[in-house]
Amino acid sequence: MPGKFVVSISCAADNADKATVGFVVANAAVASDKEAVVFLSIEGTRLSQAGYADAIHEEGFAPLGELMSSFAEAGGEIYVCSPCFKKRGLDEDGLVAGAKIVGGAKLVEFMSGDAPSVCY
């Protein structure tokens, strides 16, 4: 069933369980033929940095780095909140595959129409 789907993740290593489950849901969305976006905000923007998620592995789930790679390889996009990213002084040259720094207007544009969202 085609359509759009957004998962919003506002945490990273500070709540690895939520960050991991967010990407589990995002992977389920792309596997269900949804045009899927993960929106990283607040501390979640740290997940946009290559290598950051490699050490995060919640019991019972695939490692977070693998979940993120699978999501991008399946065509999912990762939107990174520009003000949150800048506030944390993160590296634009160190973005993971599928990630792009965007303003809120880009997310609103994507969600225009019927794009359900899930927040983590």
PDB file of N, CA and C in Angstrom:
ATOM      1  N   MET A   1       0.839  -1.173   0.000  1.00  0.00           N
ATOM      2  CA  MET A   1       0.000   0.000   0.000  1.00  0.00           C
ATOM      3  C   MET A   1       0.890   1.244   0.000  1.00  0.00           C
ATOM      4  N   PRO A   2       1.006   1.927  -1.135  1.00  0.00           N
ATOM      5  CA  PRO A   2       1.847   3.123  -1.221  1.00  0.00           C
ATOM      6  C   PRO A   2       1.338   4.234  -0.312  1.00  0.00           C
ATOM      7  N   GLY A   3       2.199   5.177  -0.020  1.00  0.00           N
ATOM      8  CA  GLY A   3       1.862   6.319   0.817  1.00  0.00           C
ATOM      9  C   GLY A   3       3.111   6.861   1.462  1.00  0.00           C
ATOM     10  N   LYS A   4       2.942   7.822   2.329  1.00  0.00           N
ATOM     11  CA  LYS A   4       4.060   8.451   3.031  1.00  0.00           C
ATOM     12  C   LYS A   4       3.991   8.119   4.510  1.00  0.00           C
ATOM     13  N   PHE A   5       5.181   8.121   5.142  1.00  0.00           N
ATOM     14  CA  PHE A   5       5.262   7.813   6.566  1.00  0.00           C
ATOM     15  C   PHE A   5       6.449   8.562   7.160  1.00  0.00           C
ATOM     16  N   VAL A   6       6.260   9.198   8.322  1.00  0.00           N
ATOM     17  CA  VAL A   6       7.323   9.935   9.007  1.00  0.00           C
ATOM     18  C   VAL A   6       7.513   9.364  10.406  1.00  0.00           C
ATOM     19  N   VAL A   7       8.772   9.123  10.766  1.00  0.00           N
ATOM     20  CA  VAL A   7       9.136   8.761  12.132  1.00  0.00           C
ATOM     21  C   VAL A   7      10.017   9.887  12.655  1.00  0.00           C
ATOM     22  N   SER A   8       9.624  10.486  13.769  1.00  0.00           N
ATOM     23  CA  SER A   8      10.389  11.564  14.381  1.00  0.00           C
ATOM     24  C   SER A   8      11.154  11.007  15.582  1.00  0.00           C
ATOM     25  N   ILE A   9      12.475  11.199  15.571  1.00  0.00           N
ATOM     26  CA  ILE A   9      13.331  10.697  16.648  1.00  0.00           C
ATOM     27  C   ILE A   9      14.081  11.870  17.264  1.00  0.00           C
ATOM     28  N   SER A  10      13.900  12.066  18.573  1.00  0.00           N
ATOM     29  CA  SER A  10      14.521  13.199  19.261  1.00  0.00           C
ATOM     30  C   SER A  10      15.574  12.756  20.278  1.00  0.00           C
ATOM     31  N   CYS A  11      15.983  11.499  20.212  1.00  0.00           N
ATOM     32  CA  CYS A  11      16.980  11.000  21.157  1.00  0.00           C
ATOM     33  C   CYS A  11      18.023  10.184  20.399  1.00  0.00           C
ATOM     34  N   ALA A  12      19.095   9.877  21.095  1.00  0.00           N
ATOM     35  CA  ALA A  12      20.190   9.102  20.499  1.00  0.00           C
ATOM     36  C   ALA A  12      20.718   8.157  21.579  1.00  0.00           C
ATOM     37  N   ALA A  13      21.979   8.250  21.941  1.00  0.00           N
ATOM     38  CA  ALA A  13      22.533   7.391  22.982  1.00  0.00           C
ATOM     39  C   ALA A  13      21.894   7.676  24.343  1.00  0.00           C
ATOM     40  N   ASP A  14      21.303   8.859  24.500  1.00  0.00           N
ATOM     41  CA  ASP A  14      20.644   9.206  25.759  1.00  0.00           C
ATOM     42  C   ASP A  14      19.387   8.367  25.995  1.00  0.00           C
ATOM     43  N   ASN A  15      18.817   7.790  24.943  1.00  0.00           N
ATOM     44  CA  ASN A  15      17.700   6.852  25.056  1.00  0.00           C
ATOM     45  C   ASN A  15      17.770   5.929  23.847  1.00  0.00           C
ATOM     46  N   ALA A  16      18.740   5.040  23.882  1.00  0.00           N
ATOM     47  CA  ALA A  16      19.020   4.173  22.742  1.00  0.00           C
ATOM     48  C   ALA A  16      17.843   3.279  22.376  1.00  0.00           C
ATOM     49  N   ASP A  17      17.035   2.914  23.369  1.00  0.00           N
ATOM     50  CA  ASP A  17      15.870   2.067  23.106  1.00  0.00           C
ATOM     51  C   ASP A  17      14.897   2.780  22.169  1.00  0.00           C
ATOM     52  N   LYS A  18      14.563   4.028  22.479  1.00  0.00           N
ATOM     53  CA  LYS A  18      13.647   4.790  21.630  1.00  0.00           C
ATOM     54  C   LYS A  18      14.232   5.023  20.240  1.00  0.00           C
ATOM     55  N   ALA A  19      15.508   5.379  20.177  1.00  0.00           N
ATOM     56  CA  ALA A  19      16.141   5.620  18.877  1.00  0.00           C
ATOM     57  C   ALA A  19      16.119   4.359  18.025  1.00  0.00           C
ATOM     58  N   THR A  20      16.413   3.226  18.646  1.00  0.00           N
ATOM     59  CA  THR A  20      16.427   1.957  17.928  1.00  0.00           C
ATOM     60  C   THR A  20      15.037   1.592  17.428  1.00  0.00           C
ATOM     61  N   VAL A  21      14.050   1.671  18.294  1.00  0.00           N
ATOM     62  CA  VAL A  21      12.678   1.317  17.903  1.00  0.00           C
ATOM     63  C   VAL A  21      12.189   2.252  16.792  1.00  0.00           C
ATOM     64  N   GLY A  22      12.586   3.503  16.829  1.00  0.00           N
ATOM     65  CA  GLY A  22      12.217   4.427  15.759  1.00  0.00           C
ATOM     66  C   GLY A  22      12.687   3.937  14.404  1.00  0.00           C
ATOM     67  N   PHE A  23      13.927   3.456  14.347  1.00  0.00           N
ATOM     68  CA  PHE A  23      14.440   2.952  13.074  1.00  0.00           C
ATOM     69  C   PHE A  23      13.867   1.586  12.719  1.00  0.00           C
ATOM     70  N   VAL A  24      13.469   0.796  13.700  1.00  0.00           N
ATOM     71  CA  VAL A  24      12.765  -0.462  13.416  1.00  0.00           C
ATOM     72  C   VAL A  24      11.450  -0.148  12.704  1.00  0.00           C
ATOM     73  N   VAL A  25      10.709   0.815  13.232  1.00  0.00           N
ATOM     74  CA  VAL A  25       9.435   1.212  12.626  1.00  0.00           C
ATOM     75  C   VAL A  25       9.653   1.812  11.241  1.00  0.00           C
ATOM     76  N   ALA A  26      10.682   2.632  11.101  1.00  0.00           N
ATOM     77  CA  ALA A  26      10.983   3.241   9.801  1.00  0.00           C
ATOM     78  C   ALA A  26      11.307   2.170   8.760  1.00  0.00           C
ATOM     79  N   ASN A  27      12.060   1.153   9.166  1.00  0.00           N
ATOM     80  CA  ASN A  27      12.368   0.051   8.240  1.00  0.00           C
ATOM     81  C   ASN A  27      11.109  -0.715   7.857  1.00  0.00           C
ATOM     82  N   ALA A  28      10.204  -0.891   8.803  1.00  0.00           N
ATOM     83  CA  ALA A  28       8.932  -1.559   8.497  1.00  0.00           C
ATOM     84  C   ALA A  28       8.137  -0.737   7.489  1.00  0.00           C
ATOM     85  N   ALA A  29       8.201   0.578   7.602  1.00  0.00           N
ATOM     86  CA  ALA A  29       7.480   1.451   6.673  1.00  0.00           C
ATOM     87  C   ALA A  29       8.021   1.313   5.249  1.00  0.00           C
ATOM     88  N   VAL A  30       9.342   1.376   5.073  1.00  0.00           N
ATOM     89  CA  VAL A  30       9.881   1.242   3.709  1.00  0.00           C
ATOM     90  C   VAL A  30       9.654  -0.169   3.169  1.00  0.00           C
ATOM     91  N   ALA A  31       9.677  -1.165   4.047  1.00  0.00           N
ATOM     92  CA  ALA A  31       9.410  -2.543   3.610  1.00  0.00           C
ATOM     93  C   ALA A  31       7.950  -2.718   3.206  1.00  0.00           C
ATOM     94  N   SER A  32       7.090  -1.823   3.675  1.00  0.00           N
ATOM     95  CA  SER A  32       5.660  -1.848   3.332  1.00  0.00           C
ATOM     96  C   SER A  32       5.345  -0.917   2.168  1.00  0.00           C
ATOM     97  N   ASP A  33       6.396  -0.555   1.420  1.00  0.00           N
ATOM     98  CA  ASP A  33       6.240   0.273   0.224  1.00  0.00           C
ATOM     99  C   ASP A  33       5.791   1.692   0.524  1.00  0.00           C
ATOM    100  N   LYS A  34       6.171   2.211   1.688  1.00  0.00           N
ATOM    101  CA  LYS A  34       5.876   3.604   2.036  1.00  0.00           C
ATOM    102  C   LYS A  34       7.060   4.479   1.642  1.00  0.00           C
ATOM    103  N   GLU A  35       6.780   5.698   1.250  1.00  0.00           N
ATOM    104  CA  GLU A  35       7.820   6.703   1.073  1.00  0.00           C
ATOM    105  C   GLU A  35       8.114   7.200   2.489  1.00  0.00           C
ATOM    106  N   ALA A  36       9.234   6.771   3.058  1.00  0.00           N
ATOM    107  CA  ALA A  36       9.484   6.989   4.482  1.00  0.00           C
ATOM    108  C   ALA A  36      10.603   7.993   4.733  1.00  0.00           C
ATOM    109  N   VAL A  37      10.372   8.812   5.767  1.00  0.00           N
ATOM    110  CA  VAL A  37      11.351   9.782   6.233  1.00  0.00           C
ATOM    111  C   VAL A  37      11.507   9.622   7.735  1.00  0.00           C
ATOM    112  N   VAL A  38      12.745   9.643   8.200  1.00  0.00           N
ATOM    113  CA  VAL A  38      13.031   9.772   9.624  1.00  0.00           C
ATOM    114  C   VAL A  38      13.459  11.216   9.831  1.00  0.00           C
ATOM    115  N   PHE A  39      12.807  11.889  10.775  1.00  0.00           N
ATOM    116  CA  PHE A  39      13.162  13.264  11.112  1.00  0.00           C
ATOM    117  C   PHE A  39      13.919  13.244  12.428  1.00  0.00           C
ATOM    118  N   LEU A  40      15.184  13.643  12.383  1.00  0.00           N
ATOM    119  CA  LEU A  40      16.027  13.692  13.581  1.00  0.00           C
ATOM    120  C   LEU A  40      16.043  15.114  14.133  1.00  0.00           C
ATOM    121  N   SER A  41      15.671  15.241  15.398  1.00  0.00           N
ATOM    122  CA  SER A  41      15.690  16.547  16.050  1.00  0.00           C
ATOM    123  C   SER A  41      16.323  16.420  17.428  1.00  0.00           C
ATOM    124  N   ILE A  42      16.547  17.533  18.061  1.00  0.00           N
ATOM    125  CA  ILE A  42      17.122  17.627  19.399  1.00  0.00           C
ATOM    126  C   ILE A  42      18.356  16.705  19.474  1.00  0.00           C
ATOM    127  N   GLU A  43      18.447  15.816  20.463  1.00  0.00           N
ATOM    128  CA  GLU A  43      19.605  14.926  20.589  1.00  0.00           C
ATOM    129  C   GLU A  43      19.670  13.893  19.461  1.00  0.00           C
ATOM    130  N   GLY A  44      18.540  13.630  18.830  1.00  0.00           N
ATOM    131  CA  GLY A  44      18.513  12.677  17.715  1.00  0.00           C
ATOM    132  C   GLY A  44      19.399  13.086  16.561  1.00  0.00           C
ATOM    133  N   THR A  45      19.713  14.388  16.446  1.00  0.00           N
ATOM    134  CA  THR A  45      20.575  14.840  15.356  1.00  0.00           C
ATOM    135  C   THR A  45      21.961  14.197  15.431  1.00  0.00           C
ATOM    136  N   ARG A  46      22.361  13.754  16.604  1.00  0.00           N
ATOM    137  CA  ARG A  46      23.677  13.104  16.745  1.00  0.00           C
ATOM    138  C   ARG A  46      23.745  11.812  15.924  1.00  0.00           C
ATOM    139  N   LEU A  47      22.593  11.187  15.689  1.00  0.00           N
ATOM    140  CA  LEU A  47      22.561   9.970  14.872  1.00  0.00           C
ATOM    141  C   LEU A  47      22.943  10.235  13.427  1.00  0.00           C
ATOM    142  N   SER A  48      22.927  11.484  13.013  1.00  0.00           N
ATOM    143  CA  SER A  48      23.279  11.835  11.639  1.00  0.00           C
ATOM    144  C   SER A  48      24.773  11.720  11.374  1.00  0.00           C
ATOM    145  N   GLN A  49      25.561  11.579  12.414  1.00  0.00           N
ATOM    146  CA  GLN A  49      27.017  11.552  12.274  1.00  0.00           C
ATOM    147  C   GLN A  49      27.539  10.135  12.038  1.00  0.00           C
ATOM    148  N   ALA A  50      28.292   9.969  10.965  1.00  0.00           N
ATOM    149  CA  ALA A  50      28.861   8.666  10.607  1.00  0.00           C
ATOM    150  C   ALA A  50      29.632   8.100  11.795  1.00  0.00           C
ATOM    151  N   GLY A  51      29.349   6.860  12.139  1.00  0.00           N
ATOM    152  CA  GLY A  51      30.038   6.162  13.217  1.00  0.00           C
ATOM    153  C   GLY A  51      29.387   6.306  14.583  1.00  0.00           C
ATOM    154  N   TYR A  52      28.563   7.326  14.782  1.00  0.00           N
ATOM    155  CA  TYR A  52      27.972   7.565  16.096  1.00  0.00           C
ATOM    156  C   TYR A  52      27.133   6.378  16.572  1.00  0.00           C
ATOM    157  N   ALA A  53      26.306   5.842  15.702  1.00  0.00           N
ATOM    158  CA  ALA A  53      25.367   4.784  16.095  1.00  0.00           C
ATOM    159  C   ALA A  53      26.015   3.400  16.140  1.00  0.00           C
ATOM    160  N   ASP A  54      27.244   3.286  15.701  1.00  0.00           N
ATOM    161  CA  ASP A  54      27.890   1.964  15.611  1.00  0.00           C
ATOM    162  C   ASP A  54      27.980   1.227  16.946  1.00  0.00           C
ATOM    163  N   ALA A  55      28.086   1.946  18.035  1.00  0.00           N
ATOM    164  CA  ALA A  55      28.226   1.311  19.352  1.00  0.00           C
ATOM    165  C   ALA A  55      26.882   1.114  20.058  1.00  0.00           C
ATOM    166  N   ILE A  56      25.786   1.498  19.408  1.00  0.00           N
ATOM    167  CA  ILE A  56      24.469   1.400  20.037  1.00  0.00           C
ATOM    168  C   ILE A  56      23.791   0.110  19.589  1.00  0.00           C
ATOM    169  N   HIS A  57      23.548  -0.771  20.564  1.00  0.00           N
ATOM    170  CA  HIS A  57      22.917  -2.062  20.251  1.00  0.00           C
ATOM    171  C   HIS A  57      22.030  -2.470  21.421  1.00  0.00           C
ATOM    172  N   GLU A  58      20.750  -2.247  21.271  1.00  0.00           N
ATOM    173  CA  GLU A  58      19.778  -2.635  22.293  1.00  0.00           C
ATOM    174  C   GLU A  58      19.481  -4.127  22.177  1.00  0.00           C
ATOM    175  N   GLU A  59      19.434  -4.804  23.305  1.00  0.00           N
ATOM    176  CA  GLU A  59      19.141  -6.239  23.326  1.00  0.00           C
ATOM    177  C   GLU A  59      17.807  -6.520  22.639  1.00  0.00           C
ATOM    178  N   GLY A  60      17.803  -7.532  21.794  1.00  0.00           N
ATOM    179  CA  GLY A  60      16.589  -7.931  21.095  1.00  0.00           C
ATOM    180  C   GLY A  60      16.398  -7.265  19.742  1.00  0.00           C
ATOM    181  N   PHE A  61      17.283  -6.344  19.385  1.00  0.00           N
ATOM    182  CA  PHE A  61      17.182  -5.622  18.118  1.00  0.00           C
ATOM    183  C   PHE A  61      18.502  -5.725  17.361  1.00  0.00           C
ATOM    184  N   ALA A  62      18.435  -5.472  16.067  1.00  0.00           N
ATOM    185  CA  ALA A  62      19.669  -5.331  15.276  1.00  0.00           C
ATOM    186  C   ALA A  62      20.396  -4.080  15.768  1.00  0.00           C
ATOM    187  N   PRO A  63      21.714  -4.017  15.591  1.00  0.00           N
ATOM    188  CA  PRO A  63      22.449  -2.809  15.976  1.00  0.00           C
ATOM    189  C   PRO A  63      21.885  -1.580  15.254  1.00  0.00           C
ATOM    190  N   LEU A  64      21.872  -0.456  15.939  1.00  0.00           N
ATOM    191  CA  LEU A  64      21.282   0.754  15.380  1.00  0.00           C
ATOM    192  C   LEU A  64      21.956   1.173  14.079  1.00  0.00           C
ATOM    193  N   GLY A  65      23.262   1.070  14.013  1.00  0.00           N
ATOM    194  CA  GLY A  65      23.966   1.427  12.781  1.00  0.00           C
ATOM    195  C   GLY A  65      23.487   0.606  11.587  1.00  0.00           C
ATOM    196  N   GLU A  66      23.231  -0.683  11.813  1.00  0.00           N
ATOM    197  CA  GLU A  66      22.720  -1.546  10.744  1.00  0.00           C
ATOM    198  C   GLU A  66      21.304  -1.151  10.351  1.00  0.00           C
ATOM    199  N   LEU A  67      20.469  -0.833  11.342  1.00  0.00           N
ATOM    200  CA  LEU A  67      19.097  -0.410  11.049  1.00  0.00           C
ATOM    201  C   LEU A  67      19.091   0.871  10.219  1.00  0.00           C
ATOM    202  N   MET A  68      19.971   1.791  10.553  1.00  0.00           N
ATOM    203  CA  MET A  68      20.054   3.045   9.809  1.00  0.00           C
ATOM    204  C   MET A  68      20.527   2.803   8.384  1.00  0.00           C
ATOM    205  N   SER A  69      21.536   1.963   8.221  1.00  0.00           N
ATOM    206  CA  SER A  69      22.041   1.645   6.878  1.00  0.00           C
ATOM    207  C   SER A  69      20.980   0.955   6.042  1.00  0.00           C
ATOM    208  N   SER A  70      20.276  -0.002   6.635  1.00  0.00           N
ATOM    209  CA  SER A  70      19.213  -0.718   5.923  1.00  0.00           C
ATOM    210  C   SER A  70      18.125   0.244   5.462  1.00  0.00           C
ATOM    211  N   PHE A  71      17.782   1.183   6.318  1.00  0.00           N
ATOM    212  CA  PHE A  71      16.750   2.170   5.987  1.00  0.00           C
ATOM    213  C   PHE A  71      17.171   2.996   4.771  1.00  0.00           C
ATOM    214  N   ALA A  72      18.395   3.504   4.797  1.00  0.00           N
ATOM    215  CA  ALA A  72      18.887   4.316   3.679  1.00  0.00           C
ATOM    216  C   ALA A  72      19.001   3.482   2.399  1.00  0.00           C
ATOM    217  N   GLU A  73      19.500   2.258   2.511  1.00  0.00           N
ATOM    218  CA  GLU A  73      19.650   1.387   1.341  1.00  0.00           C
ATOM    219  C   GLU A  73      18.302   1.045   0.713  1.00  0.00           C
ATOM    220  N   ALA A  74      17.252   1.021   1.530  1.00  0.00           N
ATOM    221  CA  ALA A  74      15.911   0.704   1.026  1.00  0.00           C
ATOM    222  C   ALA A  74      15.221   1.935   0.431  1.00  0.00           C
ATOM    223  N   GLY A  75      15.899   3.073   0.453  1.00  0.00           N
ATOM    224  CA  GLY A  75      15.346   4.286  -0.140  1.00  0.00           C
ATOM    225  C   GLY A  75      14.777   5.273   0.849  1.00  0.00           C
ATOM    226  N   GLY A  76      14.894   4.983   2.142  1.00  0.00           N
ATOM    227  CA  GLY A  76      14.410   5.927   3.147  1.00  0.00           C
ATOM    228  C   GLY A  76      15.314   7.141   3.220  1.00  0.00           C
ATOM    229  N   GLU A  77      14.721   8.269   3.584  1.00  0.00           N
ATOM    230  CA  GLU A  77      15.493   9.499   3.737  1.00  0.00           C
ATOM    231  C   GLU A  77      15.533   9.905   5.204  1.00  0.00           C
ATOM    232  N   ILE A  78      16.642  10.520   5.590  1.00  0.00           N
ATOM    233  CA  ILE A  78      16.814  10.997   6.955  1.00  0.00           C
ATOM    234  C   ILE A  78      16.931  12.516   6.902  1.00  0.00           C
ATOM    235  N   TYR A  79      15.908  13.187   7.431  1.00  0.00           N
ATOM    236  CA  TYR A  79      15.935  14.639   7.522  1.00  0.00           C
ATOM    237  C   TYR A  79      16.499  15.010   8.889  1.00  0.00           C
ATOM    238  N   VAL A  80      17.445  15.943   8.889  1.00  0.00           N
ATOM    239  CA  VAL A  80      18.108  16.377  10.121  1.00  0.00           C
ATOM    240  C   VAL A  80      17.750  17.843  10.369  1.00  0.00           C
ATOM    241  N   CYS A  81      17.156  18.112  11.517  1.00  0.00           N
ATOM    242  CA  CYS A  81      16.729  19.468  11.875  1.00  0.00           C
ATOM    243  C   CYS A  81      17.934  20.419  11.869  1.00  0.00           C
ATOM    244  N   SER A  82      17.891  21.396  10.998  1.00  0.00           N
ATOM    245  CA  SER A  82      19.006  22.324  10.846  1.00  0.00           C
ATOM    246  C   SER A  82      19.354  23.090  12.124  1.00  0.00           C
ATOM    247  N   PRO A  83      18.398  23.738  12.792  1.00  0.00           N
ATOM    248  CA  PRO A  83      18.761  24.468  14.016  1.00  0.00           C
ATOM    249  C   PRO A  83      19.307  23.551  15.114  1.00  0.00           C
ATOM    250  N   CYS A  84      18.731  22.354  15.254  1.00  0.00           N
ATOM    251  CA  CYS A  84      19.203  21.396  16.270  1.00  0.00           C
ATOM    252  C   CYS A  84      20.627  20.938  15.955  1.00  0.00           C
ATOM    253  N   PHE A  85      20.888  20.702  14.684  1.00  0.00           N
ATOM    254  CA  PHE A  85      22.204  20.273  14.205  1.00  0.00           C
ATOM    255  C   PHE A  85      23.247  21.352  14.498  1.00  0.00           C
ATOM    256  N   LYS A  86      22.915  22.578  14.129  1.00  0.00           N
ATOM    257  CA  LYS A  86      23.847  23.695  14.323  1.00  0.00           C
ATOM    258  C   LYS A  86      24.100  23.956  15.804  1.00  0.00           C
ATOM    259  N   LYS A  87      23.051  23.873  16.622  1.00  0.00           N
ATOM    260  CA  LYS A  87      23.195  24.105  18.065  1.00  0.00           C
ATOM    261  C   LYS A  87      24.222  23.161  18.680  1.00  0.00           C
ATOM    262  N   ARG A  88      24.299  21.934  18.163  1.00  0.00           N
ATOM    263  CA  ARG A  88      25.210  20.924  18.707  1.00  0.00           C
ATOM    264  C   ARG A  88      26.581  20.933  18.045  1.00  0.00           C
ATOM    265  N   GLY A  89      26.787  21.823  17.079  1.00  0.00           N
ATOM    266  CA  GLY A  89      28.087  21.948  16.426  1.00  0.00           C
ATOM    267  C   GLY A  89      28.515  20.694  15.682  1.00  0.00           C
ATOM    268  N   LEU A  90      27.571  20.006  15.074  1.00  0.00           N
ATOM    269  CA  LEU A  90      27.876  18.756  14.375  1.00  0.00           C
ATOM    270  C   LEU A  90      28.499  19.026  13.009  1.00  0.00           C
ATOM    271  N   ASP A  91      29.075  17.987  12.413  1.00  0.00           N
ATOM    272  CA  ASP A  91      29.859  18.095  11.188  1.00  0.00           C
ATOM    273  C   ASP A  91      29.035  17.776   9.939  1.00  0.00           C
ATOM    274  N   GLU A  92      28.827  18.775   9.084  1.00  0.00           N
ATOM    275  CA  GLU A  92      28.067  18.570   7.850  1.00  0.00           C
ATOM    276  C   GLU A  92      28.756  17.581   6.911  1.00  0.00           C
ATOM    277  N   ASP A  93      30.066  17.472   6.998  1.00  0.00           N
ATOM    278  CA  ASP A  93      30.806  16.555   6.125  1.00  0.00           C
ATOM    279  C   ASP A  93      30.771  15.120   6.646  1.00  0.00           C
ATOM    280  N   GLY A  94      30.215  14.902   7.845  1.00  0.00           N
ATOM    281  CA  GLY A  94      30.199  13.575   8.443  1.00  0.00           C
ATOM    282  C   GLY A  94      28.825  12.932   8.487  1.00  0.00           C
ATOM    283  N   LEU A  95      27.936  13.303   7.574  1.00  0.00           N
ATOM    284  CA  LEU A  95      26.576  12.760   7.579  1.00  0.00           C
ATOM    285  C   LEU A  95      26.536  11.298   7.120  1.00  0.00           C
ATOM    286  N   VAL A  96      25.642  10.534   7.718  1.00  0.00           N
ATOM    287  CA  VAL A  96      25.425   9.150   7.309  1.00  0.00           C
ATOM    288  C   VAL A  96      24.701   9.132   5.964  1.00  0.00           C
ATOM    289  N   ALA A  97      24.713   7.973   5.308  1.00  0.00           N
ATOM    290  CA  ALA A  97      24.026   7.803   4.032  1.00  0.00           C
ATOM    291  C   ALA A  97      22.543   8.108   4.204  1.00  0.00           C
ATOM    292  N   GLY A  98      21.983   8.835   3.262  1.00  0.00           N
ATOM    293  CA  GLY A  98      20.565   9.143   3.276  1.00  0.00           C
ATOM    294  C   GLY A  98      20.185  10.372   4.073  1.00  0.00           C
ATOM    295  N   ALA A  99      21.148  10.988   4.776  1.00  0.00           N
ATOM    296  CA  ALA A  99      20.841  12.138   5.635  1.00  0.00           C
ATOM    297  C   ALA A  99      21.021  13.453   4.899  1.00  0.00           C
ATOM    298  N   LYS A 100      20.117  14.380   5.195  1.00  0.00           N
ATOM    299  CA  LYS A 100      20.255  15.745   4.678  1.00  0.00           C
ATOM    300  C   LYS A 100      19.743  16.707   5.728  1.00  0.00           C
ATOM    301  N   ILE A 101      20.428  17.826   5.856  1.00  0.00           N
ATOM    302  CA  ILE A 101      20.060  18.850   6.822  1.00  0.00           C
ATOM    303  C   ILE A 101      18.956  19.691   6.194  1.00  0.00           C
ATOM    304  N   VAL A 102      17.845  19.825   6.919  1.00  0.00           N
ATOM    305  CA  VAL A 102      16.687  20.542   6.380  1.00  0.00           C
ATOM    306  C   VAL A 102      16.068  21.447   7.441  1.00  0.00           C
ATOM    307  N   GLY A 103      15.311  22.398   6.979  1.00  0.00           N
ATOM    308  CA  GLY A 103      14.506  23.224   7.861  1.00  0.00           C
ATOM    309  C   GLY A 103      13.135  22.589   8.028  1.00  0.00           C
ATOM    310  N   GLY A 104      12.363  23.108   8.933  1.00  0.00           N
ATOM    311  CA  GLY A 104      11.032  22.569   9.206  1.00  0.00           C
ATOM    312  C   GLY A 104      10.116  22.590   7.994  1.00  0.00           C
ATOM    313  N   ALA A 105      10.309  23.559   7.097  1.00  0.00           N
ATOM    314  CA  ALA A 105       9.453  23.664   5.918  1.00  0.00           C
ATOM    315  C   ALA A 105       9.556  22.423   5.032  1.00  0.00           C
ATOM    316  N   LYS A 106      10.731  21.822   4.972  1.00  0.00           N
ATOM    317  CA  LYS A 106      10.913  20.623   4.151  1.00  0.00           C
ATOM    318  C   LYS A 106      10.093  19.462   4.704  1.00  0.00           C
ATOM    319  N   LEU A 107      10.063  19.312   6.020  1.00  0.00           N
ATOM    320  CA  LEU A 107       9.258  18.262   6.638  1.00  0.00           C
ATOM    321  C   LEU A 107       7.770  18.516   6.404  1.00  0.00           C
ATOM    322  N   VAL A 108       7.351  19.752   6.556  1.00  0.00           N
ATOM    323  CA  VAL A 108       5.953  20.100   6.323  1.00  0.00           C
ATOM    324  C   VAL A 108       5.581  19.806   4.867  1.00  0.00           C
ATOM    325  N   GLU A 109       6.459  20.137   3.952  1.00  0.00           N
ATOM    326  CA  GLU A 109       6.212  19.854   2.530  1.00  0.00           C
ATOM    327  C   GLU A 109       6.027  18.357   2.299  1.00  0.00           C
ATOM    328  N   PHE A 110       6.908  17.547   2.896  1.00  0.00           N
ATOM    329  CA  PHE A 110       6.792  16.095   2.743  1.00  0.00           C
ATOM    330  C   PHE A 110       5.481  15.583   3.329  1.00  0.00           C
ATOM    331  N   MET A 111       5.105  16.119   4.476  1.00  0.00           N
ATOM    332  CA  MET A 111       3.924  15.628   5.178  1.00  0.00           C
ATOM    333  C   MET A 111       2.611  16.143   4.586  1.00  0.00           C
ATOM    334  N   SER A 112       2.689  17.109   3.698  1.00  0.00           N
ATOM    335  CA  SER A 112       1.463  17.627   3.089  1.00  0.00           C
ATOM    336  C   SER A 112       0.717  16.487   2.428  1.00  0.00           C
ATOM    337  N   GLY A 113      -0.526  16.354   2.765  1.00  0.00           N
ATOM    338  CA  GLY A 113      -1.317  15.246   2.278  1.00  0.00           C
ATOM    339  C   GLY A 113      -1.494  14.247   3.403  1.00  0.00           C
ATOM    340  N   ASP A 114      -1.356  12.991   3.085  1.00  0.00           N
ATOM    341  CA  ASP A 114      -1.635  11.926   4.049  1.00  0.00           C
ATOM    342  C   ASP A 114      -0.355  11.242   4.509  1.00  0.00           C
ATOM    343  N   ALA A 115       0.408  11.888   5.348  1.00  0.00           N
ATOM    344  CA  ALA A 115       1.632  11.303   5.873  1.00  0.00           C
ATOM    345  C   ALA A 115       1.502  11.121   7.380  1.00  0.00           C
ATOM    346  N   PRO A 116       1.137   9.925   7.837  1.00  0.00           N
ATOM    347  CA  PRO A 116       1.085   9.709   9.278  1.00  0.00           C
ATOM    348  C   PRO A 116       2.484   9.788   9.886  1.00  0.00           C
ATOM    349  N   SER A 117       2.561  10.138  11.151  1.00  0.00           N
ATOM    350  CA  SER A 117       3.867  10.221  11.804  1.00  0.00           C
ATOM    351  C   SER A 117       3.832   9.511  13.146  1.00  0.00           C
ATOM    352  N   VAL A 118       5.008   9.053  13.553  1.00  0.00           N
ATOM    353  CA  VAL A 118       5.210   8.392  14.835  1.00  0.00           C
ATOM    354  C   VAL A 118       6.390   9.084  15.492  1.00  0.00           C
ATOM    355  N   CYS A 119       6.290   9.426  16.770  1.00  0.00           N
ATOM    356  CA  CYS A 119       7.365  10.124  17.470  1.00  0.00           C
ATOM    357  C   CYS A 119       8.054   9.228  18.484  1.00  0.00           C
ATOM    358  N   TYR A 120       9.387   9.309  18.522  1.00  0.00           N
ATOM    359  CA  TYR A 120      10.214   8.585  19.488  1.00  0.00           C
ATOM    360  C   TYR A 120      11.157   9.542  20.149  1.00  0.00           C
TER     361      TYR A 120
END
